[in-house]
C-alpha atoms as a PDB file:
ATOM      1  CA  ASP A   1     114.996  58.263 116.343  1.00  0.00           C
ATOM      2  CA  LEU A   2     114.569  59.493 119.929  1.00  0.00           C
ATOM      3  CA  ASP A   3     110.926  58.366 120.268  1.00  0.00           C
ATOM      4  CA  GLU A   4     111.725  54.795 119.112  1.00  0.00           C
ATOM      5  CA  LEU A   5     114.702  54.579 121.490  1.00  0.00           C
ATOM      6  CA  GLU A   6     112.580  55.733 124.413  1.00  0.00           C
ATOM      7  CA  ALA A   7     109.858  53.163 123.591  1.00  0.00           C
ATOM      8  CA  GLU A   8     112.451  50.355 123.389  1.00  0.00           C
ATOM      9  CA  TYR A   9     113.889  51.396 126.725  1.00  0.00           C
ATOM     10  CA  SER A  10     110.450  51.369 128.401  1.00  0.00           C
ATOM     11  CA  LYS A  11     109.763  47.840 127.071  1.00  0.00           C
ATOM     12  CA  LEU A  12     113.097  46.542 128.332  1.00  0.00           C
ATOM     13  CA  MET A  13     112.543  47.979 131.798  1.00  0.00           C
ATOM     14  CA  SER A  14     109.067  46.373 131.923  1.00  0.00           C
ATOM     15  CA  ASP A  15     110.504  42.945 131.030  1.00  0.00           C
ATOM     16  CA  ILE A  16     113.222  43.245 133.692  1.00  0.00           C
ATOM     17  CA  GLU A  17     110.634  44.159 136.320  1.00  0.00           C
ATOM     18  CA  ARG A  18     108.554  41.089 135.336  1.00  0.00           C
ATOM     19  CA  VAL A  19     111.585  38.806 135.762  1.00  0.00           C
ATOM     20  CA  GLU A  20     112.240  40.211 139.232  1.00  0.00           C
ATOM     21  CA  LYS A  21     108.646  39.510 140.280  1.00  0.00           C
ATOM     22  CA  LEU A  22     108.892  35.912 139.038  1.00  0.00           C
ATOM     23  CA  LYS A  23     112.070  35.454 141.042  1.00  0.00           C
ATOM     24  CA  GLU A  24     110.354  36.705 144.198  1.00  0.00           C
ATOM     25  CA  ARG A  25     107.417  34.309 143.653  1.00  0.00           C
ATOM     26  CA  ALA A  26     109.764  31.367 143.165  1.00  0.00           C
ATOM     27  CA  GLU A  27     111.598  32.187 146.391  1.00  0.00           C
ATOM     28  CA  ARG A  28     108.329  32.229 148.318  1.00  0.00           C
ATOM     29  CA  LEU A  29     107.344  28.830 146.962  1.00  0.00           C
ATOM     30  CA  ARG A  30     110.763  27.399 147.804  1.00  0.00           C
ATOM     31  CA  SER A  31     110.484  28.621 151.406  1.00  0.00           C
ATOM     32  CA  LEU A  32     107.027  27.025 151.639  1.00  0.00           C
ATOM     33  CA  LEU A  33     108.336  23.677 150.456  1.00  0.00           C
ATOM     34  CA  ILE A  34     111.331  23.799 152.784  1.00  0.00           C
ATOM     35  CA  ASP A  35     109.012  23.919 155.818  1.00  0.00           C
ATOM     36  CA  VAL A  36     107.347  20.576 154.844  1.00  0.00           C
ATOM     37  CA  ASP A  37     109.101  17.267 155.751  1.00  0.00           C
ATOM     38  CA  PHE A  38     107.932  15.135 152.870  1.00  0.00           C
ATOM     39  CA  ASP A  39     109.933  12.026 153.856  1.00  0.00           C
ATOM     40  CA  LYS A  40     108.350  11.962 157.289  1.00  0.00           C
ATOM     41  CA  MET A  41     104.964  12.418 155.692  1.00  0.00           C
ATOM     42  CA  LYS A  42     105.609   9.408 153.448  1.00  0.00           C
ATOM     43  CA  GLN A  43     106.629   7.258 156.452  1.00  0.00           C
ATOM     44  CA  GLU A  44     103.480   8.203 158.349  1.00  0.00           C
ATOM     45  CA  ILE A  45     101.324   7.422 155.334  1.00  0.00           C
ATOM     46  CA  ASN A  46     102.972   3.993 154.927  1.00  0.00           C
ATOM     47  CA  TYR A  47     102.557   3.279 158.631  1.00  0.00           C
ATOM     48  CA  LEU A  48      98.905   4.247 158.500  1.00  0.00           C
ATOM     49  CA  GLU A  49      98.289   2.111 155.442  1.00  0.00           C
ATOM     50  CA  GLU A  50      99.867  -0.947 157.180  1.00  0.00           C
ATOM     51  CA  GLU A  51      97.886  -0.303 160.352  1.00  0.00           C
ATOM     52  CA  ILE A  52      94.643   0.007 158.423  1.00  0.00           C
ATOM     53  CA  SER A  53      95.376  -3.285 156.667  1.00  0.00           C
ATOM     54  CA  SER A  54      96.165  -5.072 159.957  1.00  0.00           C
ATOM     55  CA  LEU A  55      93.149  -3.711 161.688  1.00  0.00           C
ATOM     56  CA  THR A  56      90.928  -4.745 158.870  1.00  0.00           C
ATOM     57  CA  LYS A  57      92.069  -8.361 159.194  1.00  0.00           C
ATOM     58  CA  GLU A  58      91.658  -8.439 162.937  1.00  0.00           C
ATOM     59  CA  LEU A  59      88.340  -6.594 162.930  1.00  0.00           C
ATOM     60  CA  ASN A  60      85.394  -8.367 164.555  1.00  0.00           C
ATOM     61  CA  ILE A  61      81.818  -7.527 165.407  1.00  0.00           C
ATOM     62  CA  VAL A  62      82.355  -6.741 169.131  1.00  0.00           C
ATOM     63  CA  ASP A  63      84.779  -3.873 168.850  1.00  0.00           C
ATOM     64  CA  ILE A  64      83.667  -2.651 165.455  1.00  0.00           C
ATOM     65  CA  GLU A  65      82.456   0.705 166.786  1.00  0.00           C
ATOM     66  CA  GLU A  66      85.680   1.387 168.598  1.00  0.00           C
ATOM     67  CA  GLU A  67      87.724   0.344 165.635  1.00  0.00           C
ATOM     68  CA  TYR A  68      85.547   2.397 163.364  1.00  0.00           C
ATOM     69  CA  GLN A  69      86.336   5.515 165.350  1.00  0.00           C
ATOM     70  CA  ARG A  70      90.030   4.706 165.307  1.00  0.00           C
ATOM     71  CA  SER A  71      89.898   3.944 161.607  1.00  0.00           C
ATOM     72  CA  LYS A  72      88.019   7.142 160.933  1.00  0.00           C
ATOM     73  CA  LYS A  73      90.687   9.210 162.647  1.00  0.00           C
ATOM     74  CA  ALA A  74      93.382   7.335 160.835  1.00  0.00           C
ATOM     75  CA  PHE A  75      91.590   7.827 157.506  1.00  0.00           C
ATOM     76  CA  ILE A  76      91.183  11.526 158.144  1.00  0.00           C
ATOM     77  CA  GLU A  77      94.881  11.794 158.932  1.00  0.00           C
ATOM     78  CA  PHE A  78      95.605   9.712 155.854  1.00  0.00           C
ATOM     79  CA  GLU A  79      93.553  12.028 153.653  1.00  0.00           C
ATOM     80  CA  ARG A  80      95.267  15.038 155.172  1.00  0.00           C
ATOM     81  CA  LEU A  81      98.678  13.640 154.475  1.00  0.00           C
ATOM     82  CA  ASN A  82      97.579  12.546 151.013  1.00  0.00           C
ATOM     83  CA  GLY A  83      96.339  16.096 150.344  1.00  0.00           C
ATOM     84  CA  LEU A  84      99.697  17.445 151.486  1.00  0.00           C
ATOM     85  CA  LEU A  85     101.463  15.131 149.061  1.00  0.00           C
ATOM     86  CA  ARG A  86      99.255  16.237 146.176  1.00  0.00           C
ATOM     87  CA  GLU A  87      99.844  19.845 147.141  1.00  0.00           C
ATOM     88  CA  ARG A  88     103.562  19.150 147.244  1.00  0.00           C
ATOM     89  CA  GLU A  89     103.441  17.666 143.761  1.00  0.00           C
ATOM     90  CA  ARG A  90     101.387  20.615 142.486  1.00  0.00           C
ATOM     91  CA  ILE A  91     103.773  23.124 144.065  1.00  0.00           C
ATOM     92  CA  SER A  92     106.746  21.216 142.692  1.00  0.00           C
ATOM     93  CA  SER A  93     105.205  21.339 139.220  1.00  0.00           C
ATOM     94  CA  ILE A  94     104.555  25.067 139.544  1.00  0.00           C
ATOM     95  CA  LEU A  95     108.056  25.583 140.880  1.00  0.00           C
ATOM     96  CA  ASN A  96     109.563  23.696 137.959  1.00  0.00           C
ATOM     97  CA  GLY A  97     107.515  25.786 135.523  1.00  0.00           C
ATOM     98  CA  LEU A  98     108.579  28.955 137.263  1.00  0.00           C
ATOM     99  CA  SER A  99     112.171  27.852 137.245  1.00  0.00           C
ATOM    100  CA  GLU A 100     112.015  27.303 133.508  1.00  0.00           C
ATOM    101  CA  GLU A 101     110.255  30.669 132.990  1.00  0.00           C
ATOM    102  CA  ILE A 102     112.781  32.360 135.274  1.00  0.00           C
ATOM    103  CA  SER A 103     115.560  30.779 133.281  1.00  0.00           C
ATOM    104  CA  LEU A 104     114.053  31.972 129.998  1.00  0.00           C
ATOM    105  CA  ASP A 105     113.295  35.451 131.353  1.00  0.00           C
ATOM    106  CA  SER A 106     116.759  35.689 132.866  1.00  0.00           C
ATOM    107  CA  GLU A 107     118.251  34.854 129.494  1.00  0.00           C
ATOM    108  CA  LYS A 108     115.978  37.399 127.843  1.00  0.00           C
ATOM    109  CA  ALA A 109     116.882  39.973 130.486  1.00  0.00           C
ATOM    110  CA  ARG A 110     120.544  39.286 129.849  1.00  0.00           C
ATOM    111  CA  GLU A 111     120.035  39.727 126.119  1.00  0.00           C
ATOM    112  CA  LEU A 112     118.085  42.927 126.682  1.00  0.00           C
ATOM    113  CA  SER A 113     120.768  44.254 129.016  1.00  0.00           C
ATOM    114  CA  GLU A 114     123.395  43.495 126.395  1.00  0.00           C
ATOM    115  CA  ARG A 115     121.264  45.213 123.751  1.00  0.00           C
ATOM    116  CA  ILE A 116     120.814  48.290 125.956  1.00  0.00           C
ATOM    117  CA  ALA A 117     124.546  48.354 126.529  1.00  0.00           C
ATOM    118  CA  SER A 118     125.197  48.050 122.776  1.00  0.00           C
ATOM    119  CA  LEU A 119     122.894  50.983 122.152  1.00  0.00           C
ATOM    120  CA  GLY A 120     124.895  53.057 124.582  1.00  0.00           C
ATOM    121  CA  PHE A 121     121.675  54.148 126.270  1.00  0.00           C
ATOM    122  CA  GLU A 122     121.864  56.225 129.411  1.00  0.00           C
ATOM    123  CA  GLU A 123     119.041  57.644 131.503  1.00  0.00           C
ATOM    124  CA  ALA A 124     120.830  60.976 131.815  1.00  0.00           C
ATOM    125  CA  ALA A 125     121.272  61.164 128.039  1.00  0.00           C
ATOM    126  CA  LEU A 126     117.571  60.452 127.591  1.00  0.00           C
ATOM    127  CA  SER A 127     116.657  63.224 130.029  1.00  0.00           C
ATOM    128  CA  GLU A 128     119.015  65.632 128.278  1.00  0.00           C
ATOM    129  CA  ALA A 129     117.609  64.683 124.880  1.00  0.00           C
ATOM    130  CA  ARG A 130     114.092  65.104 126.231  1.00  0.00           C
ATOM    131  CA  ARG A 131     114.968  68.575 127.572  1.00  0.00           C
ATOM    132  CA  GLU A 132     116.534  69.613 124.260  1.00  0.00           C
ATOM    133  CA  LEU A 133     113.475  68.304 122.424  1.00  0.00           C
ATOM    134  CA  ASN A 134     111.171  70.384 124.641  1.00  0.00           C
ATOM    135  CA  GLU A 135     113.325  73.460 124.054  1.00  0.00           C
ATOM    136  CA  ALA A 136     113.312  72.826 120.308  1.00  0.00           C
ATOM    137  CA  GLU A 137     109.527  72.422 120.315  1.00  0.00           C
ATOM    138  CA  GLU A 138     109.172  75.677 122.265  1.00  0.00           C
ATOM    139  CA  ARG A 139     111.429  77.476 119.777  1.00  0.00           C
ATOM    140  CA  MET A 140     109.407  75.956 116.942  1.00  0.00           C
ATOM    141  CA  ARG A 141     106.176  77.280 118.471  1.00  0.00           C
ATOM    142  CA  GLU A 142     107.750  80.732 118.808  1.00  0.00           C
ATOM    143  CA  ILE A 143     108.963  80.571 115.206  1.00  0.00           C
ATOM    144  CA  ILE A 144     105.506  79.515 113.970  1.00  0.00           C
ATOM    145  CA  LYS A 145     103.935  82.366 115.945  1.00  0.00           C
ATOM    146  CA  ALA A 146     106.463  84.866 114.572  1.00  0.00           C
ATOM    147  CA  ARG A 147     105.899  83.474 111.091  1.00  0.00           C
ATOM    148  CA  GLY A 148     102.150  83.963 111.451  1.00  0.00           C
ATOM    149  CA  GLU A 149     102.691  87.561 112.569  1.00  0.00           C
ATOM    150  CA  LEU A 150     105.067  88.178 109.662  1.00  0.00           C
ATOM    151  CA  GLU A 151     102.619  86.636 107.186  1.00  0.00           C
ATOM    152  CA  GLY A 152      99.884  88.891 108.550  1.00  0.00           C
ATOM    153  CA  ALA A 153     102.135  91.937 108.223  1.00  0.00           C
ATOM    154  CA  LEU A 154     103.147  90.820 104.722  1.00  0.00           C
ATOM    155  CA  SER A 155      99.506  90.410 103.715  1.00  0.00           C
ATOM    156  CA  GLU A 156      98.712  93.889 105.026  1.00  0.00           C
ATOM    157  CA  LEU A 157     101.755  95.266 103.211  1.00  0.00           C
ATOM    158  CA  LYS A 158     100.671  93.616  99.939  1.00  0.00           C
ATOM    159  CA  LYS A 159      97.211  95.108 100.394  1.00  0.00           C
ATOM    160  CA  LYS A 160      98.706  98.582 100.859  1.00  0.00           C
ATOM    161  CA  ILE A 161     100.984  98.041  97.852  1.00  0.00           C
ATOM    162  CA  ASN A 162      97.959  97.092  95.719  1.00  0.00           C
ATOM    163  CA  GLU A 163      96.095 100.169  96.963  1.00  0.00           C
ATOM    164  CA  LEU A 164      99.109 102.355  96.153  1.00  0.00           C
ATOM    165  CA  ALA A 165      99.415 100.713  92.733  1.00  0.00           C
ATOM    166  CA  THR A 166      95.733 101.451  92.061  1.00  0.00           C
ATOM    167  CA  LYS A 167      96.142 105.051  93.210  1.00  0.00           C
ATOM    168  CA  SER A 168      99.342 105.350  91.178  1.00  0.00           C
ATOM    169  CA  GLU A 169      97.520 104.101  88.072  1.00  0.00           C
ATOM    170  CA  LYS A 170      94.691 106.571  88.666  1.00  0.00           C
ATOM    171  CA  LEU A 171      97.255 109.347  89.174  1.00  0.00           C
ATOM    172  CA  ARG A 172      99.027 108.347  85.956  1.00  0.00           C
ATOM    173  CA  LYS A 173      95.751 108.484  84.032  1.00  0.00           C
ATOM    174  CA  LEU A 174      94.898 111.835  85.614  1.00  0.00           C
ATOM    175  CA  ARG A 175      98.317 113.164  84.610  1.00  0.00           C
ATOM    176  CA  GLU A 176      97.778 111.929  81.069  1.00  0.00           C
ATOM    177  CA  ARG A 177      94.361 113.594  80.990  1.00  0.00           C
ATOM    178  CA  LYS A 178      95.857 116.756  82.448  1.00  0.00           C
ATOM    179  CA  GLU A 179      98.573 116.756  79.790  1.00  0.00           C
ATOM    180  CA  LYS A 180      95.945 116.223  77.080  1.00  0.00           C
ATOM    181  CA  TYR A 181      93.763 118.991  78.517  1.00  0.00           C
ATOM    182  CA  GLU A 182      96.743 121.330  78.769  1.00  0.00           C
ATOM    183  CA  SER A 183      97.739 120.512  75.194  1.00  0.00           C
ATOM    184  CA  PHE A 184      94.134 120.989  74.048  1.00  0.00           C
ATOM    185  CA  ARG A 185      93.842 124.224  76.028  1.00  0.00           C
ATOM    186  CA  SER A 186      97.075 125.495  74.500  1.00  0.00           C
ATOM    187  CA  LYS A 187      95.769 124.717  71.016  1.00  0.00           C
ATOM    188  CA  ILE A 188      92.404 126.349  71.773  1.00  0.00           C
ATOM    189  CA  LEU A 189      94.152 129.466  73.044  1.00  0.00           C
ATOM    190  CA  LYS A 190      96.220 129.586  69.877  1.00  0.00           C
ATOM    191  CA  ILE A 191      93.075 129.142  67.758  1.00  0.00           C
ATOM    192  CA  ARG A 192      91.305 131.853  69.756  1.00  0.00           C
ATOM    193  CA  GLU A 193      94.269 134.095  69.256  1.00  0.00           C
ATOM    194  CA  ILE A 194      94.262 133.356  65.532  1.00  0.00           C
ATOM    195  CA  PHE A 195      90.511 134.011  65.239  1.00  0.00           C
ATOM    196  CA  SER A 196      90.333 136.809  67.835  1.00  0.00           C
ATOM    197  CA  ARG A 197      88.662 140.080  66.971  1.00  0.00           C
ATOM    198  CA  ASP A 198      91.674 142.304  67.518  1.00  0.00           C
ATOM    199  CA  LYS A 199      94.310 140.178  65.827  1.00  0.00           C
ATOM    200  CA  GLY A 200      94.659 137.120  63.729  1.00  0.00           C
ATOM    201  CA  ILE A 201      92.446 135.845  60.932  1.00  0.00           C
ATOM    202  CA  GLN A 202      89.264 137.581  62.099  1.00  0.00           C
ATOM    203  CA  ALA A 203      90.915 140.985  62.136  1.00  0.00           C
ATOM    204  CA  SER A 204      92.486 140.278  58.745  1.00  0.00           C
ATOM    205  CA  LEU A 205      89.165 139.125  57.261  1.00  0.00           C
ATOM    206  CA  ARG A 206      87.262 142.104  58.630  1.00  0.00           C
ATOM    207  CA  GLU A 207      89.892 144.480  57.363  1.00  0.00           C
ATOM    208  CA  ARG A 208      89.676 142.919  53.903  1.00  0.00           C
ATOM    209  CA  ALA A 209      85.845 142.746  53.861  1.00  0.00           C
ATOM    210  CA  LYS A 210      85.117 146.165  55.381  1.00  0.00           C
ATOM    211  CA  PRO A 211      85.372 148.363  52.232  1.00  0.00           C
ATOM    212  CA  ILE A 212      83.323 145.899  50.150  1.00  0.00           C
ATOM    213  CA  ILE A 213      80.599 145.582  52.807  1.00  0.00           C
ATOM    214  CA  GLU A 214      80.521 149.404  53.281  1.00  0.00           C
ATOM    215  CA  ARG A 215      79.950 149.857  49.545  1.00  0.00           C
ATOM    216  CA  GLU A 216      77.149 147.283  49.442  1.00  0.00           C
ATOM    217  CA  LEU A 217      75.633 148.743  52.644  1.00  0.00           C
ATOM    218  CA  ASN A 218      75.492 152.284  51.230  1.00  0.00           C
ATOM    219  CA  GLU A 219      73.907 151.031  48.010  1.00  0.00           C
ATOM    220  CA  ILE A 220      71.195 148.971  49.761  1.00  0.00           C
ATOM    221  CA  PHE A 221      70.439 151.501  52.522  1.00  0.00           C
ATOM    222  CA  SER A 222      70.153 154.398  50.043  1.00  0.00           C
ATOM    223  CA  SER A 223      67.466 152.447  48.162  1.00  0.00           C
ATOM    224  CA  PHE A 224      65.291 152.634  51.317  1.00  0.00           C
ATOM    225  CA  GLY A 225      65.063 156.451  50.812  1.00  0.00           C
ATOM    226  CA  PHE A 226      66.436 157.652  54.169  1.00  0.00           C
ATOM    227  CA  ASP A 227      67.991 161.147  54.314  1.00  0.00           C
ATOM    228  CA  TYR A 228      71.641 160.248  54.984  1.00  0.00           C
ATOM    229  CA  ASP A 229      74.685 160.915  52.839  1.00  0.00           C
ATOM    230  CA  SER A 230      76.701 157.777  53.635  1.00  0.00           C
ATOM    231  CA  ILE A 231      77.388 155.024  56.145  1.00  0.00           C
ATOM    232  CA  GLU A 232      80.736 153.961  57.567  1.00  0.00           C
ATOM    233  CA  LEU A 233      81.656 150.903  59.671  1.00  0.00           C
ATOM    234  CA  ASP A 234      83.987 151.144  62.638  1.00  0.00           C
ATOM    235  CA  GLU A 235      86.433 148.353  63.632  1.00  0.00           C
ATOM    236  CA  ASN A 236      83.586 146.429  65.327  1.00  0.00           C
ATOM    237  CA  PHE A 237      81.349 146.783  62.233  1.00  0.00           C
ATOM    238  CA  THR A 238      79.050 149.194  64.061  1.00  0.00           C
ATOM    239  CA  PRO A 239      77.362 151.519  61.491  1.00  0.00           C
ATOM    240  CA  ILE A 240      78.023 155.287  61.729  1.00  0.00           C
ATOM    241  CA  LEU A 241      75.675 157.444  59.598  1.00  0.00           C
ATOM    242  CA  ARG A 242      76.791 160.758  58.095  1.00  0.00           C
ATOM    243  CA  ARG A 243      74.703 163.690  56.963  1.00  0.00           C
ATOM    244  CA  GLY A 244      75.888 167.238  56.201  1.00  0.00           C
ATOM    245  CA  GLY A 245      79.334 166.541  57.620  1.00  0.00           C
ATOM    246  CA  ARG A 246      77.937 165.221  60.941  1.00  0.00           C
ATOM    247  CA  ALA A 247      78.088 161.659  62.286  1.00  0.00           C
ATOM    248  CA  TYR A 248      75.059 159.916  63.815  1.00  0.00           C
ATOM    249  CA  SER A 249      75.243 156.800  65.951  1.00  0.00           C
ATOM    250  CA  PHE A 250      72.920 153.821  65.671  1.00  0.00           C
ATOM    251  CA  ASP A 251      71.329 154.681  69.038  1.00  0.00           C
ATOM    252  CA  ILE A 252      69.601 157.871  67.819  1.00  0.00           C
ATOM    253  CA  LEU A 253      67.807 156.201  64.898  1.00  0.00           C
ATOM    254  CA  SER A 254      64.072 155.522  64.905  1.00  0.00           C
ATOM    255  CA  GLY A 255      62.717 152.010  64.995  1.00  0.00           C
ATOM    256  CA  GLY A 256      62.143 151.828  61.252  1.00  0.00           C
ATOM    257  CA  GLU A 257      65.581 153.254  60.531  1.00  0.00           C
ATOM    258  CA  ARG A 258      67.201 150.731  62.842  1.00  0.00           C
ATOM    259  CA  ILE A 259      65.388 147.792  61.230  1.00  0.00           C
ATOM    260  CA  SER A 260      66.225 149.034  57.748  1.00  0.00           C
ATOM    261  CA  LEU A 261      69.862 149.635  58.623  1.00  0.00           C
ATOM    262  CA  ALA A 262      70.169 146.223  60.237  1.00  0.00           C
ATOM    263  CA  LEU A 263      68.619 144.536  57.193  1.00  0.00           C
ATOM    264  CA  ALA A 264      70.827 146.552  54.842  1.00  0.00           C
ATOM    265  CA  LEU A 265      73.918 145.504  56.811  1.00  0.00           C
ATOM    266  CA  ARG A 266      72.912 141.833  56.713  1.00  0.00           C
ATOM    267  CA  LEU A 267      72.187 142.011  52.998  1.00  0.00           C
ATOM    268  CA  ALA A 268      75.517 143.741  52.391  1.00  0.00           C
ATOM    269  CA  ILE A 269      77.312 141.017  54.327  1.00  0.00           C
ATOM    270  CA  ALA A 270      75.316 138.405  52.377  1.00  0.00           C
ATOM    271  CA  ARG A 271      76.362 139.935  49.073  1.00  0.00           C
ATOM    272  CA  TYR A 272      79.972 139.822  50.203  1.00  0.00           C
ATOM    273  CA  LEU A 273      79.641 136.215  51.316  1.00  0.00           C
ATOM    274  CA  VAL A 274      78.166 135.217  47.946  1.00  0.00           C
ATOM    275  CA  SER A 275      81.674 135.465  46.603  1.00  0.00           C
ATOM    276  CA  THR A 276      82.723 132.923  49.292  1.00  0.00           C
ATOM    277  CA  LYS A 277      80.063 130.431  48.120  1.00  0.00           C
ATOM    278  CA  ILE A 278      77.520 130.942  50.915  1.00  0.00           C
ATOM    279  CA  GLU A 279      74.829 128.250  50.679  1.00  0.00           C
ATOM    280  CA  CYS A 280      71.996 129.563  52.870  1.00  0.00           C
ATOM    281  CA  PHE A 281      70.712 132.904  54.214  1.00  0.00           C
ATOM    282  CA  ILE A 282      67.935 133.122  56.880  1.00  0.00           C
ATOM    283  CA  LEU A 283      65.821 136.169  57.836  1.00  0.00           C
ATOM    284  CA  ASP A 284      63.337 136.246  60.722  1.00  0.00           C
ATOM    285  CA  GLU A 285      60.510 138.855  60.435  1.00  0.00           C
ATOM    286  CA  PRO A 286      62.551 141.318  58.307  1.00  0.00           C
ATOM    287  CA  THR A 287      59.532 143.606  57.586  1.00  0.00           C
ATOM    288  CA  ILE A 288      58.908 144.849  61.146  1.00  0.00           C
ATOM    289  CA  HIS A 289      58.670 148.665  61.247  1.00  0.00           C
ATOM    290  CA  LEU A 290      59.024 148.877  57.412  1.00  0.00           C
ATOM    291  CA  ASP A 291      56.469 150.616  55.226  1.00  0.00           C
ATOM    292  CA  ASP A 292      55.380 149.247  51.843  1.00  0.00           C
ATOM    293  CA  GLU A 293      57.969 151.222  49.902  1.00  0.00           C
ATOM    294  CA  ARG A 294      60.844 149.937  51.993  1.00  0.00           C
ATOM    295  CA  ILE A 295      59.425 146.403  51.873  1.00  0.00           C
ATOM    296  CA  ASP A 296      59.562 146.652  48.075  1.00  0.00           C
ATOM    297  CA  SER A 297      63.197 147.772  48.315  1.00  0.00           C
ATOM    298  CA  LEU A 298      63.943 144.816  50.618  1.00  0.00           C
ATOM    299  CA  LEU A 299      62.301 142.370  48.206  1.00  0.00           C
ATOM    300  CA  GLU A 300      64.311 143.825  45.338  1.00  0.00           C
ATOM    301  CA  ALA A 301      67.542 143.537  47.320  1.00  0.00           C
ATOM    302  CA  LEU A 302      66.816 139.912  48.281  1.00  0.00           C
ATOM    303  CA  SER A 303      66.017 139.052  44.672  1.00  0.00           C
ATOM    304  CA  SER A 304      69.386 140.395  43.599  1.00  0.00           C
ATOM    305  CA  LEU A 305      71.288 138.067  45.937  1.00  0.00           C
ATOM    306  CA  GLN A 306      72.887 135.113  44.136  1.00  0.00           C
ATOM    307  CA  ILE A 307      72.464 132.682  47.063  1.00  0.00           C
ATOM    308  CA  PRO A 308      71.263 129.077  46.476  1.00  0.00           C
ATOM    309  CA  GLN A 309      68.801 129.183  49.366  1.00  0.00           C
ATOM    310  CA  ILE A 310      67.153 132.048  51.261  1.00  0.00           C
ATOM    311  CA  ILE A 311      64.726 131.266  54.082  1.00  0.00           C
ATOM    312  CA  VAL A 312      62.419 134.035  55.312  1.00  0.00           C
ATOM    313  CA  VAL A 313      60.167 133.650  58.352  1.00  0.00           C
ATOM    314  CA  THR A 314      57.492 136.373  58.116  1.00  0.00           C
ATOM    315  CA  HIS A 315      53.828 137.273  58.552  1.00  0.00           C
ATOM    316  CA  SER A 316      53.895 139.331  55.337  1.00  0.00           C
ATOM    317  CA  PRO A 317      52.360 137.533  52.319  1.00  0.00           C
ATOM    318  CA  ARG A 318      54.310 139.715  49.900  1.00  0.00           C
ATOM    319  CA  PHE A 319      57.343 137.383  49.994  1.00  0.00           C
ATOM    320  CA  ARG A 320      55.302 134.760  48.124  1.00  0.00           C
ATOM    321  CA  ASP A 321      55.913 136.726  44.924  1.00  0.00           C
ATOM    322  CA  ILE A 322      59.655 136.086  45.026  1.00  0.00           C
ATOM    323  CA  ALA A 323      59.582 132.658  46.748  1.00  0.00           C
ATOM    324  CA  SER A 324      59.945 129.420  44.820  1.00  0.00           C
ATOM    325  CA  ARG A 325      58.140 127.558  47.637  1.00  0.00           C
ATOM    326  CA  SER A 326      55.897 128.795  50.452  1.00  0.00           C
ATOM    327  CA  ILE A 327      54.898 126.922  53.602  1.00  0.00           C
ATOM    328  CA  LEU A 328      51.907 128.274  55.490  1.00  0.00           C
ATOM    329  CA  VAL A 329      51.816 127.544  59.240  1.00  0.00           C
ATOM    330  CA  GLY A 330      48.657 128.370  61.197  1.00  0.00           C
ATOM    331  CA  LYS A 331      46.459 127.203  64.063  1.00  0.00           C
ATOM    332  CA  VAL A 332      43.039 125.603  63.697  1.00  0.00           C
ATOM    333  CA  ASN A 333      41.155 125.047  66.961  1.00  0.00           C
ATOM    334  CA  GLY A 334      44.405 125.399  68.887  1.00  0.00           C
ATOM    335  CA  ILE A 335      46.235 122.817  66.754  1.00  0.00           C
ATOM    336  CA  SER A 336      49.105 123.747  64.428  1.00  0.00           C
ATOM    337  CA  ASN A 337      48.326 123.244  60.777  1.00  0.00           C
ATOM    338  CA  ILE A 338      51.004 123.141  58.058  1.00  0.00           C
ATOM    339  CA  GLU A 339      50.177 123.699  54.387  1.00  0.00           C
ATOM    340  CA  ILE A 340      52.638 123.615  51.511  1.00  0.00           C
ATOM    341  CA  LEU A 341      51.493 126.133  48.907  1.00  0.00           C
ATOM    342  CA  GLU A 342      51.809 125.610  45.196  1.00  0.00           C
ATOM    343  CA  GLU A 343      55.321 126.121  43.888  1.00  0.00           C
ATOM    344  CA  VAL A 344      55.940 129.319  41.952  1.00  0.00           C
ATOM    345  CA  MET A 345      58.438 129.495  39.127  1.00  0.00           C
ATOM    346  CA  VAL A 346      60.719 132.458  39.787  1.00  0.00           C
ATOM    347  CA  SER A 347      62.791 133.838  36.964  1.00  0.00           C
ATOM    348  CA  ASP A 348      66.464 134.566  37.484  1.00  0.00           C
END
């Protein structure tokens, strides 16, 4: 690993530098010791010791002061020389310790040098490796940056794809609905065509029913006592009245004639529908513009209808005579009041 190799190299260089400093210190101590003549110092110390001993024996009271001064100087010199000897011994001890340390460090430096050589380490190779590492790290940073940009673009692309998928699903559903609507519309158009007035079932039914309804219409309308010979129905079932060979449209009739003709037409249609099992027939104010005689004719015509249920909404009380049940609706003090009248048994 390049980092471990570089750390090992730094440690080795630090140890070598420490050995060199120890060598320099040892050389300085050696030069200091060389300048001191220790043998001469020993001779002087011995001489001084002998002189001090001799003087001590010969010392008397008269020249004690003079001898004291001489002895003092000699003692001071003795102490100085003694101090130099102690310093020499101390320096020698330090020098011996340094020599041993230098020897050990030199051996260690030799071993480290051999180890460096065995590793094949070169400063230039380290610099080249360091440069390549920096370039690789720079390329890695560029790749990471490019990757981040690509991931951002990919995320945006996925978002757009999801949006398109959502829109596509909505479009698919809309197409399905459109197809259903178009199919439904096509069927409705076919049904309209089948039941249209001009062609299809409606035209066929009207064509089949027209002569029967015309016959019933003439019978019912003639019972009202109007002065017309006959009534015909055109293709739209609009009544055309005939009298003395002339045709009269519905528009020229009086109000009573119109009401009577309209009722007669409805009753004629009802009679025709009886054969198709009609269940209910409803009339709203059928007596408007009718006199008593024509009301009697209307009641007779309604009684002749074989319909399970006929509902008549009217202000005329005369319908009670033919009704099986009557419901009276009125207002009392502004409030609607409903009263079910007693049932009347009506014979068939």
